[in-house]
Amino acid sequence: MAAAAEEGERMVIVGEEHCEEEERELTVRKTTLFCPGDGLEAYDHRNGKLAFRVETYGRGGVCGGGAAAGDLALLGPEGEPVLTVRRRRPSLHHRWDGFLGDGGAHQKPLFSARRSSILGVGSGNSAVLVDLLHAPVPVEFRVDGSFPRRCCRLVVVAGGGGGGEEEEVVVAEVRRKVDEGAHVVMGRDVFVLWVRAGFDAAFAMGVVLVLDRIIGDEIDAGGDIGEDLAVAGSPL
């Protein structure tokens, strides 16, 4: 998978159907303001069609046999479950696990995400760590920047295993949305997710969902949050 970070190669994590030959730009919009992560919709910038949506389920079984109360589901344009994100309890680090599809019974998680510190924003260390649990070789991701400011990048670190220098490749990026007609930067409830050609857009959306749930808009709660976020991949 590390080699797949190179230009022109696919990096499949959730499914090949989410890895397009051309770079993608998704407009992500929050559909509710009451709680981060309760509702998100992502539209393809090329045709304006719905690409993904996110819902929180108050009752089990809403998106299939596996969904449980409180699960977050990333759905495709037809409502099909793509990823299910579930909070692990108990967890001092606010840990969330991601599962393929509806996260049915006996399914092992695809990834696990948590804060690197249980002390929260005030500790000066607000990093979020995400482990890929089924990667055939070690792959390390890192999120640089500030998600509450809608200015961060998902970076994959490749190479360096044979004593050479590591190469960092940006595979996805969260940006502020600009209204091109009015030349106005829109609020944080609407933003852009850019995805590199060949990279798994569903996984990129899964990372956005994790960031929105764990970090949300904490910049409002007490000023700045830690600028450096890390996403680490682990081998089998």
C-alpha atoms as a PDB file:
ATOM      1  CA  MET A   1       0.000   0.000   0.000  1.00  0.00           C
ATOM      2  CA  ALA A   2       2.908   2.362   0.579  1.00  0.00           C
ATOM      3  CA  ALA A   3       3.831   2.142  -3.095  1.00  0.00           C
ATOM      4  CA  ALA A   4       0.248   2.991  -3.940  1.00  0.00           C
ATOM      5  CA  ALA A   5       0.848   6.489  -2.629  1.00  0.00           C
ATOM      6  CA  GLU A   6       2.846   7.252  -5.754  1.00  0.00           C
ATOM      7  CA  GLU A   7       1.171   9.276  -8.471  1.00  0.00           C
ATOM      8  CA  GLY A   8      -0.968   7.224 -10.831  1.00  0.00           C
ATOM      9  CA  GLU A   9      -1.378   4.321  -8.388  1.00  0.00           C
ATOM     10  CA  ARG A  10      -4.522   3.424  -6.501  1.00  0.00           C
ATOM     11  CA  MET A  11      -4.678   3.232  -2.730  1.00  0.00           C
ATOM     12  CA  VAL A  12      -7.691   1.059  -1.968  1.00  0.00           C
ATOM     13  CA  ILE A  13      -8.824   0.968   1.663  1.00  0.00           C
ATOM     14  CA  VAL A  14     -12.636   0.767   1.604  1.00  0.00           C
ATOM     15  CA  GLY A  15     -13.225  -0.263  -2.023  1.00  0.00           C
ATOM     16  CA  GLU A  16     -11.950   0.160  -5.574  1.00  0.00           C
ATOM     17  CA  GLU A  17     -15.175   1.885  -6.610  1.00  0.00           C
ATOM     18  CA  HIS A  18     -14.160   4.840  -4.424  1.00  0.00           C
ATOM     19  CA  CYS A  19     -10.750   5.265  -6.108  1.00  0.00           C
ATOM     20  CA  GLU A  20     -11.122   7.320  -9.277  1.00  0.00           C
ATOM     21  CA  GLU A  21      -8.479   7.989 -11.901  1.00  0.00           C
ATOM     22  CA  GLU A  22      -8.922  11.748 -11.602  1.00  0.00           C
ATOM     23  CA  GLU A  23      -8.703  13.895  -8.492  1.00  0.00           C
ATOM     24  CA  ARG A  24     -12.039  14.654  -6.854  1.00  0.00           C
ATOM     25  CA  GLU A  25     -13.453  17.668  -5.100  1.00  0.00           C
ATOM     26  CA  LEU A  26     -16.412  17.138  -2.790  1.00  0.00           C
ATOM     27  CA  THR A  27     -18.508  19.893  -1.249  1.00  0.00           C
ATOM     28  CA  VAL A  28     -19.361  18.782   2.278  1.00  0.00           C
ATOM     29  CA  ARG A  29     -22.309  20.346   4.062  1.00  0.00           C
ATOM     30  CA  LYS A  30     -23.529  19.878   7.624  1.00  0.00           C
ATOM     31  CA  THR A  31     -27.227  19.084   7.681  1.00  0.00           C
ATOM     32  CA  THR A  32     -27.721  19.853  11.374  1.00  0.00           C
ATOM     33  CA  LEU A  33     -26.099  22.294  13.780  1.00  0.00           C
ATOM     34  CA  PHE A  34     -27.143  20.616  17.005  1.00  0.00           C
ATOM     35  CA  CYS A  35     -24.330  18.087  17.356  1.00  0.00           C
ATOM     36  CA  PRO A  36     -21.143  17.558  15.274  1.00  0.00           C
ATOM     37  CA  GLY A  37     -21.381  14.522  13.015  1.00  0.00           C
ATOM     38  CA  ASP A  38     -25.176  14.136  13.251  1.00  0.00           C
ATOM     39  CA  GLY A  39     -25.587  14.915   9.580  1.00  0.00           C
ATOM     40  CA  LEU A  40     -23.223  15.490   6.666  1.00  0.00           C
ATOM     41  CA  GLU A  41     -23.761  15.460   2.915  1.00  0.00           C
ATOM     42  CA  ALA A  42     -21.000  15.403   0.295  1.00  0.00           C
ATOM     43  CA  TYR A  43     -21.637  16.423  -3.322  1.00  0.00           C
ATOM     44  CA  ASP A  44     -19.361  15.854  -6.301  1.00  0.00           C
ATOM     45  CA  HIS A  45     -18.158  19.214  -7.596  1.00  0.00           C
ATOM     46  CA  ARG A  46     -18.119  17.966 -11.200  1.00  0.00           C
ATOM     47  CA  ASN A  47     -21.811  17.147 -11.519  1.00  0.00           C
ATOM     48  CA  GLY A  48     -23.421  18.326  -8.273  1.00  0.00           C
ATOM     49  CA  LYS A  49     -24.661  14.826  -7.468  1.00  0.00           C
ATOM     50  CA  LEU A  50     -24.735  13.370  -3.969  1.00  0.00           C
ATOM     51  CA  ALA A  51     -21.652  11.215  -3.347  1.00  0.00           C
ATOM     52  CA  PHE A  52     -21.955  10.408   0.380  1.00  0.00           C
ATOM     53  CA  ARG A  53     -24.103  11.269   3.347  1.00  0.00           C
ATOM     54  CA  VAL A  54     -23.665  10.681   7.061  1.00  0.00           C
ATOM     55  CA  GLU A  55     -26.360   9.955   9.588  1.00  0.00           C
ATOM     56  CA  THR A  56     -26.515   9.226  13.298  1.00  0.00           C
ATOM     57  CA  TYR A  57     -28.903   6.462  14.237  1.00  0.00           C
ATOM     58  CA  GLY A  58     -30.880   6.656  17.459  1.00  0.00           C
ATOM     59  CA  ARG A  59     -32.220   3.121  17.042  1.00  0.00           C
ATOM     60  CA  GLY A  60     -30.476  -0.024  15.934  1.00  0.00           C
ATOM     61  CA  GLY A  61     -30.933  -1.595  12.531  1.00  0.00           C
ATOM     62  CA  VAL A  62     -31.812   1.579  10.626  1.00  0.00           C
ATOM     63  CA  CYS A  63     -29.265   1.097   7.828  1.00  0.00           C
ATOM     64  CA  GLY A  64     -29.272  -2.692   7.950  1.00  0.00           C
ATOM     65  CA  GLY A  65     -28.852  -5.550  10.365  1.00  0.00           C
ATOM     66  CA  GLY A  66     -25.632  -4.309  11.934  1.00  0.00           C
ATOM     67  CA  ALA A  67     -26.308  -0.703  12.925  1.00  0.00           C
ATOM     68  CA  ALA A  68     -26.707  -0.036  16.643  1.00  0.00           C
ATOM     69  CA  ALA A  69     -27.989   2.945  18.603  1.00  0.00           C
ATOM     70  CA  GLY A  70     -25.493   5.811  18.419  1.00  0.00           C
ATOM     71  CA  ASP A  71     -23.611   4.486  15.387  1.00  0.00           C
ATOM     72  CA  LEU A  72     -22.540   6.913  12.664  1.00  0.00           C
ATOM     73  CA  ALA A  73     -23.080   5.614   9.147  1.00  0.00           C
ATOM     74  CA  LEU A  74     -21.392   6.811   5.974  1.00  0.00           C
ATOM     75  CA  LEU A  75     -23.842   6.042   3.187  1.00  0.00           C
ATOM     76  CA  GLY A  76     -23.496   6.054  -0.587  1.00  0.00           C
ATOM     77  CA  PRO A  77     -25.743   8.063  -2.935  1.00  0.00           C
ATOM     78  CA  GLU A  78     -28.430   5.367  -2.933  1.00  0.00           C
ATOM     79  CA  GLY A  79     -28.390   5.031   0.857  1.00  0.00           C
ATOM     80  CA  GLU A  80     -26.191   1.940   0.854  1.00  0.00           C
ATOM     81  CA  PRO A  81     -23.935   1.607   3.962  1.00  0.00           C
ATOM     82  CA  VAL A  82     -20.270   2.194   3.104  1.00  0.00           C
ATOM     83  CA  LEU A  83     -18.707   2.633   6.555  1.00  0.00           C
ATOM     84  CA  THR A  84     -20.042   2.485  10.106  1.00  0.00           C
ATOM     85  CA  VAL A  85     -18.239   4.369  12.878  1.00  0.00           C
ATOM     86  CA  ARG A  86     -18.930   3.224  16.443  1.00  0.00           C
ATOM     87  CA  ARG A  87     -17.679   4.604  19.751  1.00  0.00           C
ATOM     88  CA  ARG A  88     -15.817   2.061  21.849  1.00  0.00           C
ATOM     89  CA  ARG A  89     -16.971   1.988  25.464  1.00  0.00           C
ATOM     90  CA  PRO A  90     -15.418   2.410  27.918  1.00  0.00           C
ATOM     91  CA  SER A  91     -12.575   4.466  26.486  1.00  0.00           C
ATOM     92  CA  LEU A  92     -10.594   7.207  28.221  1.00  0.00           C
ATOM     93  CA  HIS A  93      -9.225   8.333  24.844  1.00  0.00           C
ATOM     94  CA  HIS A  94     -12.606   8.807  23.175  1.00  0.00           C
ATOM     95  CA  ARG A  95     -11.903   5.904  20.797  1.00  0.00           C
ATOM     96  CA  TRP A  96     -13.986   5.178  17.700  1.00  0.00           C
ATOM     97  CA  ASP A  97     -13.831   2.066  15.493  1.00  0.00           C
ATOM     98  CA  GLY A  98     -14.682   2.028  11.783  1.00  0.00           C
ATOM     99  CA  PHE A  99     -16.303  -0.991  10.107  1.00  0.00           C
ATOM    100  CA  LEU A 100     -17.072  -1.795   6.479  1.00  0.00           C
ATOM    101  CA  GLY A 101     -20.705  -1.602   5.461  1.00  0.00           C
ATOM    102  CA  ASP A 102     -23.243  -1.631   8.276  1.00  0.00           C
ATOM    103  CA  GLY A 103     -20.767  -2.964  10.862  1.00  0.00           C
ATOM    104  CA  GLY A 104     -22.580  -6.252  11.269  1.00  0.00           C
ATOM    105  CA  ALA A 105     -22.047  -8.736  14.071  1.00  0.00           C
ATOM    106  CA  HIS A 106     -18.671 -10.499  14.338  1.00  0.00           C
ATOM    107  CA  GLN A 107     -17.088  -8.034  11.907  1.00  0.00           C
ATOM    108  CA  LYS A 108     -13.595  -6.833  12.771  1.00  0.00           C
ATOM    109  CA  PRO A 109     -12.933  -3.075  12.562  1.00  0.00           C
ATOM    110  CA  LEU A 110     -11.163  -1.671   9.526  1.00  0.00           C
ATOM    111  CA  PHE A 111      -9.614   1.169  11.517  1.00  0.00           C
ATOM    112  CA  SER A 112      -9.541   2.571  15.037  1.00  0.00           C
ATOM    113  CA  ALA A 113      -9.315   6.265  15.905  1.00  0.00           C
ATOM    114  CA  ARG A 114      -8.602   7.989  19.216  1.00  0.00           C
ATOM    115  CA  ARG A 115      -7.138  11.077  20.808  1.00  0.00           C
ATOM    116  CA  SER A 116      -3.471  10.768  21.652  1.00  0.00           C
ATOM    117  CA  SER A 117      -4.158  12.456  24.996  1.00  0.00           C
ATOM    118  CA  ILE A 118      -7.052  12.019  27.435  1.00  0.00           C
ATOM    119  CA  LEU A 119      -6.505  15.552  28.720  1.00  0.00           C
ATOM    120  CA  GLY A 120      -8.249  17.222  25.793  1.00  0.00           C
ATOM    121  CA  VAL A 121      -7.744  20.592  24.219  1.00  0.00           C
ATOM    122  CA  GLY A 122      -6.225  22.328  27.207  1.00  0.00           C
ATOM    123  CA  SER A 123      -3.297  19.906  27.352  1.00  0.00           C
ATOM    124  CA  GLY A 124      -1.724  21.360  24.204  1.00  0.00           C
ATOM    125  CA  ASN A 125      -1.800  17.905  22.629  1.00  0.00           C
ATOM    126  CA  SER A 126      -5.030  17.281  20.728  1.00  0.00           C
ATOM    127  CA  ALA A 127      -3.670  14.820  18.167  1.00  0.00           C
ATOM    128  CA  VAL A 128      -5.991  12.183  16.732  1.00  0.00           C
ATOM    129  CA  LEU A 129      -4.440   8.817  15.878  1.00  0.00           C
ATOM    130  CA  VAL A 130      -6.039   6.429  13.369  1.00  0.00           C
ATOM    131  CA  ASP A 131      -4.712   2.878  12.972  1.00  0.00           C
ATOM    132  CA  LEU A 132      -5.432   0.868   9.833  1.00  0.00           C
ATOM    133  CA  LEU A 133      -5.967  -2.604  11.264  1.00  0.00           C
ATOM    134  CA  HIS A 134      -5.663  -4.713   8.106  1.00  0.00           C
ATOM    135  CA  ALA A 135      -2.914  -3.086   6.041  1.00  0.00           C
ATOM    136  CA  PRO A 136      -0.571  -5.697   4.482  1.00  0.00           C
ATOM    137  CA  VAL A 137       2.437  -3.432   5.139  1.00  0.00           C
ATOM    138  CA  PRO A 138       2.881  -0.544   7.597  1.00  0.00           C
ATOM    139  CA  VAL A 139       1.419   2.704   6.276  1.00  0.00           C
ATOM    140  CA  GLU A 140       1.479   5.961   8.199  1.00  0.00           C
ATOM    141  CA  PHE A 141      -0.990   8.787   7.693  1.00  0.00           C
ATOM    142  CA  ARG A 142      -0.805  12.182   9.309  1.00  0.00           C
ATOM    143  CA  VAL A 143      -3.299  15.038   9.384  1.00  0.00           C
ATOM    144  CA  ASP A 144      -1.571  18.428   9.407  1.00  0.00           C
ATOM    145  CA  GLY A 145      -3.395  21.634  10.204  1.00  0.00           C
ATOM    146  CA  SER A 146      -6.643  22.581  11.903  1.00  0.00           C
ATOM    147  CA  PHE A 147      -9.926  20.827  11.141  1.00  0.00           C
ATOM    148  CA  PRO A 148     -12.048  23.407  13.044  1.00  0.00           C
ATOM    149  CA  ARG A 149     -10.565  26.063  10.728  1.00  0.00           C
ATOM    150  CA  ARG A 150     -11.277  23.782   7.750  1.00  0.00           C
ATOM    151  CA  CYS A 151      -7.613  23.875   6.783  1.00  0.00           C
ATOM    152  CA  CYS A 152      -5.903  20.499   7.110  1.00  0.00           C
ATOM    153  CA  ARG A 153      -4.240  17.848   4.952  1.00  0.00           C
ATOM    154  CA  LEU A 154      -4.181  14.056   5.059  1.00  0.00           C
ATOM    155  CA  VAL A 155      -0.615  12.961   4.336  1.00  0.00           C
ATOM    156  CA  VAL A 156       0.698   9.463   3.682  1.00  0.00           C
ATOM    157  CA  VAL A 157       4.357   8.815   4.506  1.00  0.00           C
ATOM    158  CA  ALA A 158       5.980   6.390   2.059  1.00  0.00           C
ATOM    159  CA  GLY A 159       9.472   4.989   1.648  1.00  0.00           C
ATOM    160  CA  GLY A 160      12.388   5.202   4.020  1.00  0.00           C
ATOM    161  CA  GLY A 161      12.315   1.487   4.757  1.00  0.00           C
ATOM    162  CA  GLY A 162      15.608   0.820   2.998  1.00  0.00           C
ATOM    163  CA  GLY A 163      17.490   3.691   4.553  1.00  0.00           C
ATOM    164  CA  GLY A 164      16.286   6.235   2.007  1.00  0.00           C
ATOM    165  CA  GLU A 165      14.408   9.406   2.679  1.00  0.00           C
ATOM    166  CA  GLU A 166      10.716   9.247   3.433  1.00  0.00           C
ATOM    167  CA  GLU A 167       8.371  10.810   0.917  1.00  0.00           C
ATOM    168  CA  GLU A 168       5.254  12.567   2.126  1.00  0.00           C
ATOM    169  CA  VAL A 169       2.316  12.676  -0.276  1.00  0.00           C
ATOM    170  CA  VAL A 170      -0.852  14.688   0.329  1.00  0.00           C
ATOM    171  CA  VAL A 171      -3.777  12.378  -0.477  1.00  0.00           C
ATOM    172  CA  ALA A 172      -6.685  14.515   0.761  1.00  0.00           C
ATOM    173  CA  GLU A 173      -7.237  18.050   1.976  1.00  0.00           C
ATOM    174  CA  VAL A 174      -9.998  19.948   3.784  1.00  0.00           C
ATOM    175  CA  ARG A 175     -10.367  23.551   2.563  1.00  0.00           C
ATOM    176  CA  ARG A 176     -12.705  26.468   3.103  1.00  0.00           C
ATOM    177  CA  LYS A 177     -15.467  26.724   0.522  1.00  0.00           C
ATOM    178  CA  VAL A 178     -15.521  29.856  -1.637  1.00  0.00           C
ATOM    179  CA  ASP A 179     -18.725  31.081  -3.291  1.00  0.00           C
ATOM    180  CA  GLU A 180     -17.263  31.793  -6.735  1.00  0.00           C
ATOM    181  CA  GLY A 181     -20.176  33.974  -7.769  1.00  0.00           C
ATOM    182  CA  ALA A 182     -20.131  36.230  -4.708  1.00  0.00           C
ATOM    183  CA  HIS A 183     -16.379  35.824  -4.043  1.00  0.00           C
ATOM    184  CA  VAL A 184     -17.186  35.099  -0.394  1.00  0.00           C
ATOM    185  CA  VAL A 185     -15.598  32.478   1.887  1.00  0.00           C
ATOM    186  CA  MET A 186     -18.434  30.432   3.322  1.00  0.00           C
ATOM    187  CA  GLY A 187     -18.865  29.402   6.962  1.00  0.00           C
ATOM    188  CA  ARG A 188     -17.485  26.240   8.495  1.00  0.00           C
ATOM    189  CA  ASP A 189     -20.745  24.344   7.946  1.00  0.00           C
ATOM    190  CA  VAL A 190     -19.857  24.084   4.239  1.00  0.00           C
ATOM    191  CA  PHE A 191     -16.342  23.084   3.191  1.00  0.00           C
ATOM    192  CA  VAL A 192     -14.393  21.297   0.464  1.00  0.00           C
ATOM    193  CA  LEU A 193     -12.781  17.855   0.620  1.00  0.00           C
ATOM    194  CA  TRP A 194     -10.177  17.432  -2.118  1.00  0.00           C
ATOM    195  CA  VAL A 195      -9.111  13.823  -2.823  1.00  0.00           C
ATOM    196  CA  ARG A 196      -6.014  12.861  -4.805  1.00  0.00           C
ATOM    197  CA  ALA A 197      -6.425  10.768  -7.960  1.00  0.00           C
ATOM    198  CA  GLY A 198      -6.398   7.075  -7.080  1.00  0.00           C
ATOM    199  CA  PHE A 199      -6.982   7.594  -3.363  1.00  0.00           C
ATOM    200  CA  ASP A 200      -9.981   6.108  -1.577  1.00  0.00           C
ATOM    201  CA  ALA A 201     -12.554   8.890  -1.226  1.00  0.00           C
ATOM    202  CA  ALA A 202     -14.696   6.834   1.172  1.00  0.00           C
ATOM    203  CA  PHE A 203     -11.785   6.494   3.596  1.00  0.00           C
ATOM    204  CA  ALA A 204     -11.076  10.214   3.278  1.00  0.00           C
ATOM    205  CA  MET A 205     -14.703  10.896   4.201  1.00  0.00           C
ATOM    206  CA  GLY A 206     -14.343   8.462   7.092  1.00  0.00           C
ATOM    207  CA  VAL A 207     -11.389  10.481   8.406  1.00  0.00           C
ATOM    208  CA  VAL A 208     -13.473  13.670   8.105  1.00  0.00           C
ATOM    209  CA  LEU A 209     -16.255  11.994  10.088  1.00  0.00           C
ATOM    210  CA  VAL A 210     -13.795  10.963  12.808  1.00  0.00           C
ATOM    211  CA  LEU A 211     -12.320  14.466  13.017  1.00  0.00           C
ATOM    212  CA  ASP A 212     -15.779  16.016  13.193  1.00  0.00           C
ATOM    213  CA  ARG A 213     -16.829  13.646  15.984  1.00  0.00           C
ATOM    214  CA  ILE A 214     -13.643  13.734  18.090  1.00  0.00           C
ATOM    215  CA  ILE A 215     -12.560  17.328  17.523  1.00  0.00           C
ATOM    216  CA  GLY A 216     -15.640  19.025  16.095  1.00  0.00           C
ATOM    217  CA  ASP A 217     -15.481  22.809  16.350  1.00  0.00           C
ATOM    218  CA  GLU A 218     -13.504  22.941  19.591  1.00  0.00           C
ATOM    219  CA  ILE A 219     -11.854  26.177  18.539  1.00  0.00           C
ATOM    220  CA  ASP A 220     -15.041  27.793  19.851  1.00  0.00           C
ATOM    221  CA  ALA A 221     -14.598  26.277  23.295  1.00  0.00           C
ATOM    222  CA  GLY A 222     -11.340  27.897  24.280  1.00  0.00           C
ATOM    223  CA  GLY A 223      -9.279  29.317  21.495  1.00  0.00           C
ATOM    224  CA  ASP A 224      -6.818  27.227  19.522  1.00  0.00           C
ATOM    225  CA  ILE A 225      -6.461  23.466  19.306  1.00  0.00           C
ATOM    226  CA  GLY A 226      -3.277  21.556  18.566  1.00  0.00           C
ATOM    227  CA  GLU A 227      -2.211  22.128  14.984  1.00  0.00           C
ATOM    228  CA  ASP A 228      -0.703  18.678  14.439  1.00  0.00           C
ATOM    229  CA  LEU A 229      -2.886  15.620  14.054  1.00  0.00           C
ATOM    230  CA  ALA A 230      -1.478  12.192  13.293  1.00  0.00           C
ATOM    231  CA  VAL A 231      -2.974   9.203  11.530  1.00  0.00           C
ATOM    232  CA  ALA A 232      -0.849   6.074  11.921  1.00  0.00           C
ATOM    233  CA  GLY A 233      -1.296   2.833   9.998  1.00  0.00           C
ATOM    234  CA  SER A 234      -0.376  -0.574  11.408  1.00  0.00           C
ATOM    235  CA  PRO A 235       0.418  -3.896   9.673  1.00  0.00           C
ATOM    236  CA  LEU A 236      -1.572  -7.083  10.066  1.00  0.00           C
END
